[in-house]
Amino acid sequence: MELQFKKKGTSTFKTLKTTTTDSKGNLKATTKATADGYFRYSFAGTSTTPAVTSAADYVDIK
């Protein structure tokens, strides 16, 4: 699972961190937001599980 970020005004998400879930399926990743933009999680998929990407959440730095 990848935590991705797309800076406001750009068109490409970049991977910030790669994480895994715990034994209960919980996912957690932390990072410091330094610019306005969108965060999302993306899973590339496996032979038995399809790829999926979450909706992006916008962060406005004040």
PDB file of N, CA and C in Angstrom:
ATOM      1  N   MET A   1       0.857  -1.156   0.000  1.00  0.00           N
ATOM      2  CA  MET A   1       0.000   0.000   0.000  1.00  0.00           C
ATOM      3  C   MET A   1       0.908   1.225   0.000  1.00  0.00           C
ATOM      4  N   GLU A   2       0.591   2.188  -0.856  1.00  0.00           N
ATOM      5  CA  GLU A   2       1.408   3.397  -0.964  1.00  0.00           C
ATOM      6  C   GLU A   2       0.619   4.628  -0.548  1.00  0.00           C
ATOM      7  N   LEU A   3       1.249   5.488   0.243  1.00  0.00           N
ATOM      8  CA  LEU A   3       0.708   6.804   0.545  1.00  0.00           C
ATOM      9  C   LEU A   3       1.249   7.740  -0.527  1.00  0.00           C
ATOM     10  N   GLN A   4       0.336   8.380  -1.248  1.00  0.00           N
ATOM     11  CA  GLN A   4       0.736   9.234  -2.367  1.00  0.00           C
ATOM     12  C   GLN A   4       0.275  10.671  -2.162  1.00  0.00           C
ATOM     13  N   PHE A   5       0.991  11.611  -2.789  1.00  0.00           N
ATOM     14  CA  PHE A   5       0.683  13.035  -2.686  1.00  0.00           C
ATOM     15  C   PHE A   5       0.779  13.678  -4.062  1.00  0.00           C
ATOM     16  N   LYS A   6      -0.177  14.575  -4.333  1.00  0.00           N
ATOM     17  CA  LYS A   6      -0.145  15.379  -5.567  1.00  0.00           C
ATOM     18  C   LYS A   6      -0.236  16.841  -5.154  1.00  0.00           C
ATOM     19  N   LYS A   7       0.803  17.594  -5.455  1.00  0.00           N
ATOM     20  CA  LYS A   7       0.830  19.010  -5.112  1.00  0.00           C
ATOM     21  C   LYS A   7      -0.210  19.769  -5.936  1.00  0.00           C
ATOM     22  N   LYS A   8      -0.846  20.757  -5.303  1.00  0.00           N
ATOM     23  CA  LYS A   8      -1.846  21.592  -5.977  1.00  0.00           C
ATOM     24  C   LYS A   8      -1.244  22.175  -7.256  1.00  0.00           C
ATOM     25  N   GLY A   9      -1.997  22.086  -8.342  1.00  0.00           N
ATOM     26  CA  GLY A   9      -1.547  22.629  -9.619  1.00  0.00           C
ATOM     27  C   GLY A   9      -0.756  21.664 -10.473  1.00  0.00           C
ATOM     28  N   THR A  10      -0.500  20.446  -9.959  1.00  0.00           N
ATOM     29  CA  THR A  10       0.204  19.437 -10.749  1.00  0.00           C
ATOM     30  C   THR A  10      -0.762  18.306 -11.102  1.00  0.00           C
ATOM     31  N   SER A  11      -0.304  17.384 -11.930  1.00  0.00           N
ATOM     32  CA  SER A  11      -1.201  16.319 -12.387  1.00  0.00           C
ATOM     33  C   SER A  11      -0.762  14.919 -11.970  1.00  0.00           C
ATOM     34  N   THR A  12       0.368  14.807 -11.276  1.00  0.00           N
ATOM     35  CA  THR A  12       0.910  13.488 -10.970  1.00  0.00           C
ATOM     36  C   THR A  12       1.023  13.246  -9.471  1.00  0.00           C
ATOM     37  N   PHE A  13       0.529  12.089  -9.033  1.00  0.00           N
ATOM     38  CA  PHE A  13       0.732  11.671  -7.652  1.00  0.00           C
ATOM     39  C   PHE A  13       2.115  11.046  -7.531  1.00  0.00           C
ATOM     40  N   LYS A  14       2.787  11.340  -6.414  1.00  0.00           N
ATOM     41  CA  LYS A  14       4.095  10.756  -6.127  1.00  0.00           C
ATOM     42  C   LYS A  14       3.991   9.950  -4.839  1.00  0.00           C
ATOM     43  N   THR A  15       4.654   8.807  -4.803  1.00  0.00           N
ATOM     44  CA  THR A  15       4.640   7.955  -3.616  1.00  0.00           C
ATOM     45  C   THR A  15       5.548   8.536  -2.547  1.00  0.00           C
ATOM     46  N   LEU A  16       4.978   8.724  -1.347  1.00  0.00           N
ATOM     47  CA  LEU A  16       5.745   9.225  -0.212  1.00  0.00           C
ATOM     48  C   LEU A  16       6.249   8.101   0.671  1.00  0.00           C
ATOM     49  N   LYS A  17       5.397   7.101   0.905  1.00  0.00           N
ATOM     50  CA  LYS A  17       5.735   5.976   1.765  1.00  0.00           C
ATOM     51  C   LYS A  17       5.038   4.717   1.279  1.00  0.00           C
ATOM     52  N   THR A  18       5.660   3.591   1.546  1.00  0.00           N
ATOM     53  CA  THR A  18       5.051   2.288   1.318  1.00  0.00           C
ATOM     54  C   THR A  18       4.807   1.660   2.681  1.00  0.00           C
ATOM     55  N   THR A  19       3.579   1.206   2.922  1.00  0.00           N
ATOM     56  CA  THR A  19       3.210   0.666   4.225  1.00  0.00           C
ATOM     57  C   THR A  19       2.530  -0.685   4.066  1.00  0.00           C
ATOM     58  N   THR A  20       2.363  -1.361   5.182  1.00  0.00           N
ATOM     59  CA  THR A  20       1.607  -2.612   5.211  1.00  0.00           C
ATOM     60  C   THR A  20       0.566  -2.522   6.320  1.00  0.00           C
ATOM     61  N   THR A  21      -0.399  -3.396   6.280  1.00  0.00           N
ATOM     62  CA  THR A  21      -1.419  -3.432   7.322  1.00  0.00           C
ATOM     63  C   THR A  21      -0.955  -4.305   8.475  1.00  0.00           C
ATOM     64  N   ASP A  22      -1.583  -4.101   9.642  1.00  0.00           N
ATOM     65  CA  ASP A  22      -1.308  -4.989  10.768  1.00  0.00           C
ATOM     66  C   ASP A  22      -2.170  -6.247  10.634  1.00  0.00           C
ATOM     67  N   SER A  23      -2.122  -7.109  11.624  1.00  0.00           N
ATOM     68  CA  SER A  23      -2.843  -8.386  11.544  1.00  0.00           C
ATOM     69  C   SER A  23      -4.358  -8.227  11.488  1.00  0.00           C
ATOM     70  N   LYS A  24      -4.865  -7.059  11.861  1.00  0.00           N
ATOM     71  CA  LYS A  24      -6.302  -6.795  11.816  1.00  0.00           C
ATOM     72  C   LYS A  24      -6.723  -6.034  10.561  1.00  0.00           C
ATOM     73  N   GLY A  25      -5.753  -5.737   9.698  1.00  0.00           N
ATOM     74  CA  GLY A  25      -6.065  -5.025   8.466  1.00  0.00           C
ATOM     75  C   GLY A  25      -6.016  -3.516   8.587  1.00  0.00           C
ATOM     76  N   ASN A  26      -5.557  -2.995   9.729  1.00  0.00           N
ATOM     77  CA  ASN A  26      -5.457  -1.549   9.916  1.00  0.00           C
ATOM     78  C   ASN A  26      -4.223  -0.996   9.206  1.00  0.00           C
ATOM     79  N   LEU A  27      -4.376   0.179   8.658  1.00  0.00           N
ATOM     80  CA  LEU A  27      -3.306   0.820   7.899  1.00  0.00           C
ATOM     81  C   LEU A  27      -3.002   2.167   8.519  1.00  0.00           C
ATOM     82  N   LYS A  28      -1.710   2.493   8.661  1.00  0.00           N
ATOM     83  CA  LYS A  28      -1.340   3.783   9.219  1.00  0.00           C
ATOM     84  C   LYS A  28      -0.022   4.245   8.604  1.00  0.00           C
ATOM     85  N   ALA A  29      -0.007   5.495   8.182  1.00  0.00           N
ATOM     86  CA  ALA A  29       1.220   6.123   7.700  1.00  0.00           C
ATOM     87  C   ALA A  29       1.149   7.590   8.082  1.00  0.00           C
ATOM     88  N   THR A  30       2.278   8.157   8.454  1.00  0.00           N
ATOM     89  CA  THR A  30       2.309   9.572   8.804  1.00  0.00           C
ATOM     90  C   THR A  30       3.355  10.291   7.970  1.00  0.00           C
ATOM     91  N   THR A  31       3.074  11.556   7.727  1.00  0.00           N
ATOM     92  CA  THR A  31       4.010  12.408   7.009  1.00  0.00           C
ATOM     93  C   THR A  31       3.666  13.856   7.339  1.00  0.00           C
ATOM     94  N   LYS A  32       4.569  14.752   7.104  1.00  0.00           N
ATOM     95  CA  LYS A  32       4.327  16.167   7.352  1.00  0.00           C
ATOM     96  C   LYS A  32       3.914  16.830   6.044  1.00  0.00           C
ATOM     97  N   ALA A  33       2.777  17.498   6.075  1.00  0.00           N
ATOM     98  CA  ALA A  33       2.314  18.223   4.888  1.00  0.00           C
ATOM     99  C   ALA A  33       3.070  19.555   4.803  1.00  0.00           C
ATOM    100  N   THR A  34       3.707  19.818   3.677  1.00  0.00           N
ATOM    101  CA  THR A  34       4.486  21.044   3.506  1.00  0.00           C
ATOM    102  C   THR A  34       3.955  21.920   2.378  1.00  0.00           C
ATOM    103  N   ALA A  35       2.932  21.454   1.688  1.00  0.00           N
ATOM    104  CA  ALA A  35       2.347  22.211   0.578  1.00  0.00           C
ATOM    105  C   ALA A  35       0.888  21.805   0.428  1.00  0.00           C
ATOM    106  N   ASP A  36       0.077  22.693  -0.149  1.00  0.00           N
ATOM    107  CA  ASP A  36      -1.314  22.355  -0.452  1.00  0.00           C
ATOM    108  C   ASP A  36      -1.337  21.229  -1.478  1.00  0.00           C
ATOM    109  N   GLY A  37      -2.267  20.310  -1.303  1.00  0.00           N
ATOM    110  CA  GLY A  37      -2.379  19.247  -2.277  1.00  0.00           C
ATOM    111  C   GLY A  37      -3.265  18.111  -1.794  1.00  0.00           C
ATOM    112  N   TYR A  38      -3.176  16.990  -2.475  1.00  0.00           N
ATOM    113  CA  TYR A  38      -4.061  15.848  -2.273  1.00  0.00           C
ATOM    114  C   TYR A  38      -3.277  14.623  -1.820  1.00  0.00           C
ATOM    115  N   PHE A  39      -3.799  13.945  -0.784  1.00  0.00           N
ATOM    116  CA  PHE A  39      -3.245  12.686  -0.306  1.00  0.00           C
ATOM    117  C   PHE A  39      -4.210  11.555  -0.644  1.00  0.00           C
ATOM    118  N   ARG A  40      -3.641  10.383  -0.951  1.00  0.00           N
ATOM    119  CA  ARG A  40      -4.454   9.194  -1.184  1.00  0.00           C
ATOM    120  C   ARG A  40      -3.613   7.952  -0.919  1.00  0.00           C
ATOM    121  N   TYR A  41      -4.293   6.803  -0.782  1.00  0.00           N
ATOM    122  CA  TYR A  41      -3.641   5.502  -0.710  1.00  0.00           C
ATOM    123  C   TYR A  41      -3.877   4.765  -2.022  1.00  0.00           C
ATOM    124  N   SER A  42      -2.881   4.000  -2.437  1.00  0.00           N
ATOM    125  CA  SER A  42      -3.008   3.207  -3.649  1.00  0.00           C
ATOM    126  C   SER A  42      -2.441   1.808  -3.406  1.00  0.00           C
ATOM    127  N   PHE A  43      -3.203   0.808  -3.853  1.00  0.00           N
ATOM    128  CA  PHE A  43      -2.782  -0.588  -3.746  1.00  0.00           C
ATOM    129  C   PHE A  43      -2.653  -1.145  -5.155  1.00  0.00           C
ATOM    130  N   ALA A  44      -1.488  -1.674  -5.484  1.00  0.00           N
ATOM    131  CA  ALA A  44      -1.205  -2.139  -6.848  1.00  0.00           C
ATOM    132  C   ALA A  44      -1.932  -3.425  -7.207  1.00  0.00           C
ATOM    133  N   GLY A  45      -2.367  -4.171  -6.212  1.00  0.00           N
ATOM    134  CA  GLY A  45      -3.054  -5.428  -6.490  1.00  0.00           C
ATOM    135  C   GLY A  45      -2.109  -6.615  -6.453  1.00  0.00           C
ATOM    136  N   THR A  46      -2.708  -7.798  -6.437  1.00  0.00           N
ATOM    137  CA  THR A  46      -1.953  -9.056  -6.467  1.00  0.00           C
ATOM    138  C   THR A  46      -2.650  -9.983  -7.457  1.00  0.00           C
ATOM    139  N   SER A  47      -2.167 -11.208  -7.532  1.00  0.00           N
ATOM    140  CA  SER A  47      -2.797 -12.168  -8.440  1.00  0.00           C
ATOM    141  C   SER A  47      -4.215 -12.523  -7.997  1.00  0.00           C
ATOM    142  N   THR A  48      -4.524 -12.306  -6.716  1.00  0.00           N
ATOM    143  CA  THR A  48      -5.856 -12.652  -6.205  1.00  0.00           C
ATOM    144  C   THR A  48      -6.691 -11.456  -5.752  1.00  0.00           C
ATOM    145  N   THR A  49      -6.064 -10.273  -5.682  1.00  0.00           N
ATOM    146  CA  THR A  49      -6.759  -9.074  -5.195  1.00  0.00           C
ATOM    147  C   THR A  49      -6.584  -7.947  -6.202  1.00  0.00           C
ATOM    148  N   PRO A  50      -7.676  -7.331  -6.659  1.00  0.00           N
ATOM    149  CA  PRO A  50      -7.552  -6.273  -7.653  1.00  0.00           C
ATOM    150  C   PRO A  50      -6.930  -4.990  -7.080  1.00  0.00           C
ATOM    151  N   ALA A  51      -6.358  -4.213  -7.944  1.00  0.00           N
ATOM    152  CA  ALA A  51      -5.796  -2.909  -7.572  1.00  0.00           C
ATOM    153  C   ALA A  51      -6.928  -1.965  -7.171  1.00  0.00           C
ATOM    154  N   VAL A  52      -6.614  -1.058  -6.247  1.00  0.00           N
ATOM    155  CA  VAL A  52      -7.605  -0.080  -5.809  1.00  0.00           C
ATOM    156  C   VAL A  52      -6.877   1.180  -5.344  1.00  0.00           C
ATOM    157  N   THR A  53      -7.518   2.316  -5.556  1.00  0.00           N
ATOM    158  CA  THR A  53      -6.991   3.605  -5.105  1.00  0.00           C
ATOM    159  C   THR A  53      -8.107   4.346  -4.382  1.00  0.00           C
ATOM    160  N   SER A  54      -7.780   4.903  -3.220  1.00  0.00           N
ATOM    161  CA  SER A  54      -8.780   5.634  -2.446  1.00  0.00           C
ATOM    162  C   SER A  54      -9.078   6.979  -3.100  1.00  0.00           C
ATOM    163  N   ALA A  55     -10.174   7.573  -2.672  1.00  0.00           N
ATOM    164  CA  ALA A  55     -10.440   8.957  -3.052  1.00  0.00           C
ATOM    165  C   ALA A  55      -9.360   9.819  -2.404  1.00  0.00           C
ATOM    166  N   ALA A  56      -9.026  10.927  -3.044  1.00  0.00           N
ATOM    167  CA  ALA A  56      -7.998  11.817  -2.516  1.00  0.00           C
ATOM    168  C   ALA A  56      -8.609  12.836  -1.557  1.00  0.00           C
ATOM    169  N   ASP A  57      -7.881  13.135  -0.499  1.00  0.00           N
ATOM    170  CA  ASP A  57      -8.267  14.157   0.474  1.00  0.00           C
ATOM    171  C   ASP A  57      -7.380  15.382   0.276  1.00  0.00           C
ATOM    172  N   TYR A  58      -7.988  16.556   0.218  1.00  0.00           N
ATOM    173  CA  TYR A  58      -7.255  17.795   0.013  1.00  0.00           C
ATOM    174  C   TYR A  58      -6.773  18.362   1.347  1.00  0.00           C
ATOM    175  N   VAL A  59      -5.535  18.815   1.387  1.00  0.00           N
ATOM    176  CA  VAL A  59      -4.957  19.454   2.567  1.00  0.00           C
ATOM    177  C   VAL A  59      -4.543  20.867   2.173  1.00  0.00           C
ATOM    178  N   ASP A  60      -5.042  21.840   2.955  1.00  0.00           N
ATOM    179  CA  ASP A  60      -4.723  23.259   2.723  1.00  0.00           C
ATOM    180  C   ASP A  60      -3.808  23.714   3.863  1.00  0.00           C
ATOM    181  N   ILE A  61      -2.575  24.013   3.538  1.00  0.00           N
ATOM    182  CA  ILE A  61      -1.594  24.446   4.543  1.00  0.00           C
ATOM    183  C   ILE A  61      -1.816  25.931   4.838  1.00  0.00           C
ATOM    184  N   LYS A  62      -1.932  26.247   6.101  1.00  0.00           N
ATOM    185  CA  LYS A  62      -2.132  27.647   6.506  1.00  0.00           C
ATOM    186  C   LYS A  62      -0.840  28.220   7.026  1.00  0.00           C
TER     187      LYS A  62
END
